[in-house]
Amino acid sequence: MKILFAIESGSRAWGFPSPDSDYDCRFVYIRPMTDHLVLQQARDVIEFPIEGEIDAGGWDLRKALLLALGGNAVIVEWAKSPIVYEEVVGFRRRLLDLLAKIVDPAKVSLHYLGLARSHVAKIGSFSGEVKLKRLFYLIRPLVALDWMEQRSFSSLPPMNLADCLEQTEMPAQARDEIRGLIERKSRTREMGSGLIPTAIAHYLEVRYGHHAMNLADAVRDEAGQARKHALATEFYRREAEQLQ
């Protein structure tokens, strides 16, 4: 198989790393066409045991494209990552051009709401004590949803949390407290647990409730989805043929 690109994901790419943050290396790969002419398809994920601070794993391009068609934001974030370890020259540009045509922001908004919902369940309460490091994984999707809503869910938000904050209208005190948490995390190896800062807690509770109540399901457009699927299929075939 061939690695098409390898990037940094997680807190380092999202703009809120700690001094001891892991390196979350993620990559997209493709197998030669002969590997598909078999009865038993290979797994579409490659995973490695975590070694020290290195957490590495990757997806087959086919898996990445199918998830993108379904509104999963992960492959878009990988393609936009500011930290690149390896890349086939020009591939990420070609991929981003495709993703701009096939990814439905309305579906991505549901992906971010799902992330927020899972982290609300882990935190349990907006007023109780939480692991402050974990708090960022709830802040990020809710700020992203606000960014998208303020643009009528017509485009996708920046990957970097600080950039997203700057471009989103929100209560000034909540923004300042989130900035303070980012700064604190950047110089603290272990943030420990504590109460959610008041302005952040209020912001998260209000905005989570708002999006949970108001996000509509993506509009079904079977003809449009078929066109997007055809574009993704042609892209996949073209990239695979280059390995021959």
C-alpha atoms as a PDB file:
ATOM      1  CA  MET A   1       0.000   0.000   0.000  1.00  0.00           C
ATOM      2  CA  LYS A   2       1.023   3.617  -0.441  1.00  0.00           C
ATOM      3  CA  ILE A   3       0.662   6.410   2.103  1.00  0.00           C
ATOM      4  CA  LEU A   4      -0.940   9.395   0.392  1.00  0.00           C
ATOM      5  CA  PHE A   5      -0.436  11.742   3.318  1.00  0.00           C
ATOM      6  CA  ALA A   6       0.342  11.585   7.022  1.00  0.00           C
ATOM      7  CA  ILE A   7      -0.544  14.438   9.350  1.00  0.00           C
ATOM      8  CA  GLU A   8      -0.963  15.406  12.993  1.00  0.00           C
ATOM      9  CA  SER A   9      -4.476  15.250  14.378  1.00  0.00           C
ATOM     10  CA  GLY A  10      -5.752  15.859  17.907  1.00  0.00           C
ATOM     11  CA  SER A  11      -4.932  18.707  20.239  1.00  0.00           C
ATOM     12  CA  ARG A  12      -1.679  19.749  18.538  1.00  0.00           C
ATOM     13  CA  ALA A  13      -3.456  20.307  15.210  1.00  0.00           C
ATOM     14  CA  TRP A  14      -6.571  21.745  16.884  1.00  0.00           C
ATOM     15  CA  GLY A  15      -4.473  24.417  18.592  1.00  0.00           C
ATOM     16  CA  PHE A  16      -4.748  23.470  22.270  1.00  0.00           C
ATOM     17  CA  PRO A  17      -1.816  21.129  23.060  1.00  0.00           C
ATOM     18  CA  SER A  18      -0.263  20.538  26.451  1.00  0.00           C
ATOM     19  CA  PRO A  19       3.525  20.257  26.863  1.00  0.00           C
ATOM     20  CA  ASP A  20       3.019  16.486  27.252  1.00  0.00           C
ATOM     21  CA  SER A  21       0.354  15.965  24.581  1.00  0.00           C
ATOM     22  CA  ASP A  22       0.616  12.789  22.551  1.00  0.00           C
ATOM     23  CA  TYR A  23       1.443  12.920  18.870  1.00  0.00           C
ATOM     24  CA  ASP A  24      -1.664  11.705  17.048  1.00  0.00           C
ATOM     25  CA  CYS A  25      -0.299  10.726  13.651  1.00  0.00           C
ATOM     26  CA  ARG A  26      -3.046   9.864  11.161  1.00  0.00           C
ATOM     27  CA  PHE A  27      -2.644   8.856   7.543  1.00  0.00           C
ATOM     28  CA  VAL A  28      -4.603   7.931   4.450  1.00  0.00           C
ATOM     29  CA  TYR A  29      -3.346   5.135   2.233  1.00  0.00           C
ATOM     30  CA  ILE A  30      -4.367   3.316  -0.933  1.00  0.00           C
ATOM     31  CA  ARG A  31      -3.800  -0.235  -2.077  1.00  0.00           C
ATOM     32  CA  PRO A  32      -2.925  -1.221  -5.668  1.00  0.00           C
ATOM     33  CA  MET A  33      -5.853  -2.268  -7.847  1.00  0.00           C
ATOM     34  CA  THR A  34      -4.799  -5.940  -7.784  1.00  0.00           C
ATOM     35  CA  ASP A  35      -5.485  -5.984  -4.025  1.00  0.00           C
ATOM     36  CA  HIS A  36      -9.169  -5.403  -4.797  1.00  0.00           C
ATOM     37  CA  LEU A  37      -9.447  -8.409  -7.143  1.00  0.00           C
ATOM     38  CA  VAL A  38      -9.800 -10.855  -4.261  1.00  0.00           C
ATOM     39  CA  LEU A  39     -12.724 -12.534  -2.544  1.00  0.00           C
ATOM     40  CA  GLN A  40     -11.689 -11.405   0.922  1.00  0.00           C
ATOM     41  CA  GLN A  41     -11.130  -7.651   1.157  1.00  0.00           C
ATOM     42  CA  ALA A  42      -8.378  -6.451   3.468  1.00  0.00           C
ATOM     43  CA  ARG A  43      -9.271  -4.332   6.504  1.00  0.00           C
ATOM     44  CA  ASP A  44      -9.707  -0.667   5.655  1.00  0.00           C
ATOM     45  CA  VAL A  45      -7.911   0.515   8.812  1.00  0.00           C
ATOM     46  CA  ILE A  46      -4.271   0.181   9.877  1.00  0.00           C
ATOM     47  CA  GLU A  47      -3.568   0.534  13.589  1.00  0.00           C
ATOM     48  CA  PHE A  48      -0.346   0.456  15.563  1.00  0.00           C
ATOM     49  CA  PRO A  49       0.182  -0.036  19.305  1.00  0.00           C
ATOM     50  CA  ILE A  50       0.804   3.248  21.108  1.00  0.00           C
ATOM     51  CA  GLU A  51       4.542   3.700  21.642  1.00  0.00           C
ATOM     52  CA  GLY A  52       5.493   6.359  24.166  1.00  0.00           C
ATOM     53  CA  GLU A  53       3.946   9.611  22.949  1.00  0.00           C
ATOM     54  CA  ILE A  54       3.217   8.266  19.445  1.00  0.00           C
ATOM     55  CA  ASP A  55      -0.322   7.202  18.539  1.00  0.00           C
ATOM     56  CA  ALA A  56      -0.488   6.309  14.840  1.00  0.00           C
ATOM     57  CA  GLY A  57      -3.186   4.887  12.610  1.00  0.00           C
ATOM     58  CA  GLY A  58      -4.717   5.326   9.191  1.00  0.00           C
ATOM     59  CA  TRP A  59      -7.646   4.747   6.852  1.00  0.00           C
ATOM     60  CA  ASP A  60      -7.890   3.322   3.368  1.00  0.00           C
ATOM     61  CA  LEU A  61      -8.849   6.096   0.940  1.00  0.00           C
ATOM     62  CA  ARG A  62     -12.080   4.269   0.111  1.00  0.00           C
ATOM     63  CA  LYS A  63     -13.143   4.337   3.775  1.00  0.00           C
ATOM     64  CA  ALA A  64     -12.206   8.015   4.062  1.00  0.00           C
ATOM     65  CA  LEU A  65     -14.283   8.960   1.015  1.00  0.00           C
ATOM     66  CA  LEU A  66     -17.320   6.952   2.105  1.00  0.00           C
ATOM     67  CA  LEU A  67     -17.223   8.613   5.524  1.00  0.00           C
ATOM     68  CA  ALA A  68     -16.890  12.028   3.883  1.00  0.00           C
ATOM     69  CA  LEU A  69     -19.976  11.321   1.771  1.00  0.00           C
ATOM     70  CA  GLY A  70     -21.813  10.523   4.999  1.00  0.00           C
ATOM     71  CA  GLY A  71     -20.850  13.824   6.637  1.00  0.00           C
ATOM     72  CA  ASN A  72     -17.969  12.672   8.827  1.00  0.00           C
ATOM     73  CA  ALA A  73     -15.726  15.711   9.378  1.00  0.00           C
ATOM     74  CA  VAL A  74     -12.583  13.772  10.280  1.00  0.00           C
ATOM     75  CA  ILE A  75     -11.131  13.363   6.788  1.00  0.00           C
ATOM     76  CA  VAL A  76     -11.709  17.070   6.075  1.00  0.00           C
ATOM     77  CA  GLU A  77      -9.805  17.966   9.247  1.00  0.00           C
ATOM     78  CA  TRP A  78      -6.998  15.570   8.361  1.00  0.00           C
ATOM     79  CA  ALA A  79      -6.698  17.086   4.902  1.00  0.00           C
ATOM     80  CA  LYS A  80      -6.543  20.592   6.418  1.00  0.00           C
ATOM     81  CA  SER A  81      -4.096  19.772   9.214  1.00  0.00           C
ATOM     82  CA  PRO A  82      -1.331  22.386   9.553  1.00  0.00           C
ATOM     83  CA  ILE A  83       1.189  19.723  10.634  1.00  0.00           C
ATOM     84  CA  VAL A  84       2.172  17.444   7.741  1.00  0.00           C
ATOM     85  CA  TYR A  85       4.601  14.551   8.185  1.00  0.00           C
ATOM     86  CA  GLU A  86       4.498  13.078   4.691  1.00  0.00           C
ATOM     87  CA  GLU A  87       2.570  13.664   1.474  1.00  0.00           C
ATOM     88  CA  VAL A  88       2.400  12.553  -2.126  1.00  0.00           C
ATOM     89  CA  VAL A  89       2.949  15.875  -3.853  1.00  0.00           C
ATOM     90  CA  GLY A  90      -0.360  17.498  -4.730  1.00  0.00           C
ATOM     91  CA  PHE A  91      -2.597  14.827  -3.221  1.00  0.00           C
ATOM     92  CA  ARG A  92      -4.070  16.884  -0.387  1.00  0.00           C
ATOM     93  CA  ARG A  93      -4.890  19.709  -2.785  1.00  0.00           C
ATOM     94  CA  ARG A  94      -6.682  17.264  -5.095  1.00  0.00           C
ATOM     95  CA  LEU A  95      -8.489  15.720  -2.126  1.00  0.00           C
ATOM     96  CA  LEU A  96      -9.597  19.081  -0.740  1.00  0.00           C
ATOM     97  CA  ASP A  97     -10.926  20.050  -4.176  1.00  0.00           C
ATOM     98  CA  LEU A  98     -13.009  16.855  -4.178  1.00  0.00           C
ATOM     99  CA  LEU A  99     -14.180  17.252  -0.590  1.00  0.00           C
ATOM    100  CA  ALA A 100     -15.440  20.753  -1.377  1.00  0.00           C
ATOM    101  CA  LYS A 101     -17.771  19.130  -3.934  1.00  0.00           C
ATOM    102  CA  ILE A 102     -18.944  16.058  -2.021  1.00  0.00           C
ATOM    103  CA  VAL A 103     -19.120  17.013   1.672  1.00  0.00           C
ATOM    104  CA  ASP A 104     -22.488  18.349   2.840  1.00  0.00           C
ATOM    105  CA  PRO A 105     -22.018  20.911   5.674  1.00  0.00           C
ATOM    106  CA  ALA A 106     -25.503  20.058   6.989  1.00  0.00           C
ATOM    107  CA  LYS A 107     -24.391  16.459   7.523  1.00  0.00           C
ATOM    108  CA  VAL A 108     -21.135  17.643   9.101  1.00  0.00           C
ATOM    109  CA  SER A 109     -23.123  19.730  11.594  1.00  0.00           C
ATOM    110  CA  LEU A 110     -24.844  16.533  12.746  1.00  0.00           C
ATOM    111  CA  HIS A 111     -21.407  14.935  13.117  1.00  0.00           C
ATOM    112  CA  TYR A 112     -20.292  17.780  15.405  1.00  0.00           C
ATOM    113  CA  LEU A 113     -23.525  17.546  17.389  1.00  0.00           C
ATOM    114  CA  GLY A 114     -22.861  13.836  17.862  1.00  0.00           C
ATOM    115  CA  LEU A 115     -19.380  14.635  19.187  1.00  0.00           C
ATOM    116  CA  ALA A 116     -20.818  17.216  21.571  1.00  0.00           C
ATOM    117  CA  ARG A 117     -23.499  14.799  22.765  1.00  0.00           C
ATOM    118  CA  SER A 118     -20.947  12.088  23.544  1.00  0.00           C
ATOM    119  CA  HIS A 119     -18.775  14.491  25.555  1.00  0.00           C
ATOM    120  CA  VAL A 120     -21.761  15.927  27.437  1.00  0.00           C
ATOM    121  CA  ALA A 121     -22.515  12.347  28.483  1.00  0.00           C
ATOM    122  CA  LYS A 122     -18.924  11.889  29.679  1.00  0.00           C
ATOM    123  CA  ILE A 123     -18.857  15.175  31.609  1.00  0.00           C
ATOM    124  CA  GLY A 124     -22.282  14.543  33.131  1.00  0.00           C
ATOM    125  CA  SER A 125     -22.969  18.065  34.353  1.00  0.00           C
ATOM    126  CA  PHE A 126     -22.155  21.625  33.343  1.00  0.00           C
ATOM    127  CA  SER A 127     -21.917  22.656  36.989  1.00  0.00           C
ATOM    128  CA  GLY A 128     -19.923  19.807  38.495  1.00  0.00           C
ATOM    129  CA  GLU A 129     -16.218  19.050  38.649  1.00  0.00           C
ATOM    130  CA  VAL A 130     -14.665  17.796  35.417  1.00  0.00           C
ATOM    131  CA  LYS A 131     -11.268  16.905  34.041  1.00  0.00           C
ATOM    132  CA  LEU A 132     -10.359  20.249  32.506  1.00  0.00           C
ATOM    133  CA  LYS A 133      -8.355  18.594  29.726  1.00  0.00           C
ATOM    134  CA  ARG A 134     -11.510  16.789  28.608  1.00  0.00           C
ATOM    135  CA  LEU A 135     -13.480  20.030  28.499  1.00  0.00           C
ATOM    136  CA  PHE A 136     -11.842  21.054  25.221  1.00  0.00           C
ATOM    137  CA  TYR A 137     -13.426  18.115  23.431  1.00  0.00           C
ATOM    138  CA  LEU A 138     -16.853  19.599  24.185  1.00  0.00           C
ATOM    139  CA  ILE A 139     -15.895  23.228  23.534  1.00  0.00           C
ATOM    140  CA  ARG A 140     -14.498  22.503  20.062  1.00  0.00           C
ATOM    141  CA  PRO A 141     -17.610  21.000  18.379  1.00  0.00           C
ATOM    142  CA  LEU A 142     -19.970  23.566  19.937  1.00  0.00           C
ATOM    143  CA  VAL A 143     -17.860  26.515  18.779  1.00  0.00           C
ATOM    144  CA  ALA A 144     -17.689  24.828  15.351  1.00  0.00           C
ATOM    145  CA  LEU A 145     -21.486  24.536  15.290  1.00  0.00           C
ATOM    146  CA  ASP A 146     -21.890  28.213  16.174  1.00  0.00           C
ATOM    147  CA  TRP A 147     -19.417  29.134  13.415  1.00  0.00           C
ATOM    148  CA  MET A 148     -21.422  27.076  10.924  1.00  0.00           C
ATOM    149  CA  GLU A 149     -24.796  28.387  12.060  1.00  0.00           C
ATOM    150  CA  GLN A 150     -23.640  31.988  11.647  1.00  0.00           C
ATOM    151  CA  ARG A 151     -22.862  31.121   8.007  1.00  0.00           C
ATOM    152  CA  SER A 152     -26.168  29.306   7.425  1.00  0.00           C
ATOM    153  CA  PHE A 153     -24.412  25.917   7.459  1.00  0.00           C
ATOM    154  CA  SER A 154     -22.971  26.646   4.018  1.00  0.00           C
ATOM    155  CA  SER A 155     -19.299  25.947   4.767  1.00  0.00           C
ATOM    156  CA  LEU A 156     -16.991  24.122   7.159  1.00  0.00           C
ATOM    157  CA  PRO A 157     -15.243  25.703  10.158  1.00  0.00           C
ATOM    158  CA  PRO A 158     -11.497  26.187  10.671  1.00  0.00           C
ATOM    159  CA  MET A 159      -9.718  23.260  12.305  1.00  0.00           C
ATOM    160  CA  ASN A 160      -7.852  25.503  14.767  1.00  0.00           C
ATOM    161  CA  LEU A 161      -9.978  26.324  17.827  1.00  0.00           C
ATOM    162  CA  ALA A 162      -8.473  29.787  18.337  1.00  0.00           C
ATOM    163  CA  ASP A 163      -9.217  30.689  14.704  1.00  0.00           C
ATOM    164  CA  CYS A 164     -12.758  29.417  15.097  1.00  0.00           C
ATOM    165  CA  LEU A 165     -13.205  31.492  18.260  1.00  0.00           C
ATOM    166  CA  GLU A 166     -12.001  34.660  16.531  1.00  0.00           C
ATOM    167  CA  GLN A 167     -14.442  34.191  13.669  1.00  0.00           C
ATOM    168  CA  THR A 168     -17.500  33.347  15.811  1.00  0.00           C
ATOM    169  CA  GLU A 169     -19.873  35.747  17.515  1.00  0.00           C
ATOM    170  CA  MET A 170     -20.227  34.656  21.147  1.00  0.00           C
ATOM    171  CA  PRO A 171     -20.284  36.158  24.664  1.00  0.00           C
ATOM    172  CA  ALA A 172     -17.002  37.999  25.219  1.00  0.00           C
ATOM    173  CA  GLN A 173     -16.481  36.567  28.699  1.00  0.00           C
ATOM    174  CA  ALA A 174     -16.874  32.990  27.466  1.00  0.00           C
ATOM    175  CA  ARG A 175     -14.391  33.658  24.660  1.00  0.00           C
ATOM    176  CA  ASP A 176     -11.878  35.167  27.101  1.00  0.00           C
ATOM    177  CA  GLU A 177     -12.219  32.242  29.508  1.00  0.00           C
ATOM    178  CA  ILE A 178     -11.727  29.721  26.699  1.00  0.00           C
ATOM    179  CA  ARG A 179      -8.611  31.615  25.580  1.00  0.00           C
ATOM    180  CA  GLY A 180      -7.390  31.488  29.173  1.00  0.00           C
ATOM    181  CA  LEU A 181      -7.891  27.720  29.301  1.00  0.00           C
ATOM    182  CA  ILE A 182      -5.952  27.300  26.033  1.00  0.00           C
ATOM    183  CA  GLU A 183      -3.080  29.344  27.464  1.00  0.00           C
ATOM    184  CA  ARG A 184      -3.143  27.425  30.737  1.00  0.00           C
ATOM    185  CA  LYS A 185      -3.138  24.091  28.910  1.00  0.00           C
ATOM    186  CA  SER A 186      -0.184  25.152  26.751  1.00  0.00           C
ATOM    187  CA  ARG A 187       2.070  25.418  29.820  1.00  0.00           C
ATOM    188  CA  THR A 188       0.592  22.830  32.196  1.00  0.00           C
ATOM    189  CA  ARG A 189       1.543  19.179  31.956  1.00  0.00           C
ATOM    190  CA  GLU A 190      -1.444  18.077  34.034  1.00  0.00           C
ATOM    191  CA  MET A 191      -4.447  20.377  34.330  1.00  0.00           C
ATOM    192  CA  GLY A 192      -6.266  18.127  36.781  1.00  0.00           C
ATOM    193  CA  SER A 193      -9.931  18.534  37.642  1.00  0.00           C
ATOM    194  CA  GLY A 194     -12.020  21.530  38.609  1.00  0.00           C
ATOM    195  CA  LEU A 195     -15.279  23.350  38.117  1.00  0.00           C
ATOM    196  CA  ILE A 196     -16.039  24.592  34.620  1.00  0.00           C
ATOM    197  CA  PRO A 197     -15.459  28.385  34.574  1.00  0.00           C
ATOM    198  CA  THR A 198     -18.846  30.058  34.955  1.00  0.00           C
ATOM    199  CA  ALA A 199     -19.043  31.846  31.599  1.00  0.00           C
ATOM    200  CA  ILE A 200     -17.889  28.723  29.733  1.00  0.00           C
ATOM    201  CA  ALA A 201     -20.394  26.525  31.585  1.00  0.00           C
ATOM    202  CA  HIS A 202     -23.244  28.879  30.721  1.00  0.00           C
ATOM    203  CA  TYR A 203     -22.153  29.118  27.086  1.00  0.00           C
ATOM    204  CA  LEU A 204     -21.837  25.341  26.684  1.00  0.00           C
ATOM    205  CA  GLU A 205     -25.163  24.586  28.319  1.00  0.00           C
ATOM    206  CA  VAL A 206     -27.068  27.189  26.294  1.00  0.00           C
ATOM    207  CA  ARG A 207     -25.459  26.375  22.951  1.00  0.00           C
ATOM    208  CA  TYR A 208     -25.659  22.610  23.385  1.00  0.00           C
ATOM    209  CA  GLY A 209     -29.359  22.886  24.192  1.00  0.00           C
ATOM    210  CA  HIS A 210     -29.879  25.213  21.240  1.00  0.00           C
ATOM    211  CA  HIS A 211     -28.205  22.958  18.685  1.00  0.00           C
ATOM    212  CA  ALA A 212     -29.734  19.772  20.083  1.00  0.00           C
ATOM    213  CA  MET A 213     -33.179  21.319  19.668  1.00  0.00           C
ATOM    214  CA  ASN A 214     -32.709  23.115  16.349  1.00  0.00           C
ATOM    215  CA  LEU A 215     -30.392  21.156  14.072  1.00  0.00           C
ATOM    216  CA  ALA A 216     -32.450  19.679  11.275  1.00  0.00           C
ATOM    217  CA  ASP A 217     -31.699  16.429   9.533  1.00  0.00           C
ATOM    218  CA  ALA A 218     -29.917  16.819   6.228  1.00  0.00           C
ATOM    219  CA  VAL A 219     -32.271  17.108   3.250  1.00  0.00           C
ATOM    220  CA  ARG A 220     -32.465  13.895   1.245  1.00  0.00           C
ATOM    221  CA  ASP A 221     -31.238  14.488  -2.284  1.00  0.00           C
ATOM    222  CA  GLU A 222     -30.726  11.125  -3.911  1.00  0.00           C
ATOM    223  CA  ALA A 223     -29.759  12.542  -7.300  1.00  0.00           C
ATOM    224  CA  GLY A 224     -27.245  14.922  -5.728  1.00  0.00           C
ATOM    225  CA  GLN A 225     -25.825  12.163  -3.548  1.00  0.00           C
ATOM    226  CA  ALA A 226     -25.447   9.909  -6.596  1.00  0.00           C
ATOM    227  CA  ARG A 227     -23.481  12.648  -8.384  1.00  0.00           C
ATOM    228  CA  LYS A 228     -21.217  13.077  -5.389  1.00  0.00           C
ATOM    229  CA  HIS A 229     -20.713   9.318  -5.106  1.00  0.00           C
ATOM    230  CA  ALA A 230     -19.752   9.206  -8.792  1.00  0.00           C
ATOM    231  CA  LEU A 231     -17.196  11.998  -8.293  1.00  0.00           C
ATOM    232  CA  ALA A 232     -15.681  10.172  -5.318  1.00  0.00           C
ATOM    233  CA  THR A 233     -15.575   6.880  -7.236  1.00  0.00           C
ATOM    234  CA  GLU A 234     -13.793   8.480 -10.203  1.00  0.00           C
ATOM    235  CA  PHE A 235     -11.310  10.154  -7.836  1.00  0.00           C
ATOM    236  CA  TYR A 236     -10.619   6.838  -6.096  1.00  0.00           C
ATOM    237  CA  ARG A 237     -10.080   4.978  -9.376  1.00  0.00           C
ATOM    238  CA  ARG A 238      -7.773   7.683 -10.715  1.00  0.00           C
ATOM    239  CA  GLU A 239      -5.594   7.643  -7.582  1.00  0.00           C
ATOM    240  CA  ALA A 240      -5.463   3.813  -7.550  1.00  0.00           C
ATOM    241  CA  GLU A 241      -4.473   3.662 -11.231  1.00  0.00           C
ATOM    242  CA  GLN A 242      -1.451   5.838 -10.511  1.00  0.00           C
ATOM    243  CA  LEU A 243      -0.016   3.007  -8.393  1.00  0.00           C
ATOM    244  CA  GLN A 244       0.063   0.554 -11.302  1.00  0.00           C
END
